[in-house]
């Protein structure tokens, strides 16, 4: 058995990952997909993909999404015929070594709610359940564009970078380092875009999108605190959706935590339907 640690995905590796993923999804009746994009990891020098091969066959994988220096989200898959042989533990050991090296204090294991195997693994690891996140997909048959939107769309330029960091810190209560790193990665990416919602020449909301082929996900969506509970979230989401649809992107998804009932209902009312539920389990890196 050979373990490979990678910092990014080649086309060949993406194809191998999707092949393994399809086998596991068919076997376990799962709906989620592996996130094959490392451009949002806060440190590009960190290895975040760990692959185990038997000869030329990929039999197990572990991926990490590390958007900030505080935690890493871990997702893993092993071929059904190769489970129970300790392969996940070997990959996890390598991943934790990398996280300790870069002083990432905590991990969040991401488990699809329907995954019996995944829940068994996190129980063995004594990871603590924290929350559930819903992946929702826009039903284009139910979506109705706004006749009038109070917000104007602005595509940010480099001149807006500092102002965008300040707004992001205000909305999400992020540190300067986290906000700066996240926004810088979006500006550098060819598959990600940033959106600003403008009211009377003032930025009152922001959102981002990430394209993967014909599918696009909306993330980093929020309204400045003093403008909340006034319907501007509804306007901003419509604004982003319309920008995506004008570019021919109609396979649109968004994620929301189970604890955020307001956002869940907002997305549902606009036309999003729950497609997949993911459970998150937290554990200290050095435990």
Foldseek 3Di string as FASTA:
>chain_A
DDKDFALADDPVNVVLQVVQVVQVCVVLVADDDDDRDALQALDSVFGFKMFDDDVPHTFKIKGWHHNDLAEIEIEMGGRPVPPPPCPVVVRLVVVLVRNVVSVHWKYKYKAFPSGPVSVVVCVVVVFAWDFKKFKWWFDVVPADFDPDFQWDKDFDDPVCLVVQLVQLCQWVVDDSSSSNSNVVSQVPDPFKGKIFTDHPNDGFWIWMWGDDPLEIEIDSTGGRVVCPPVCNSLRVVSVVQVVCVVVVRRGYMYMDIPVCPVVVVSCVNNGIDTDTMMIITMDTSVD
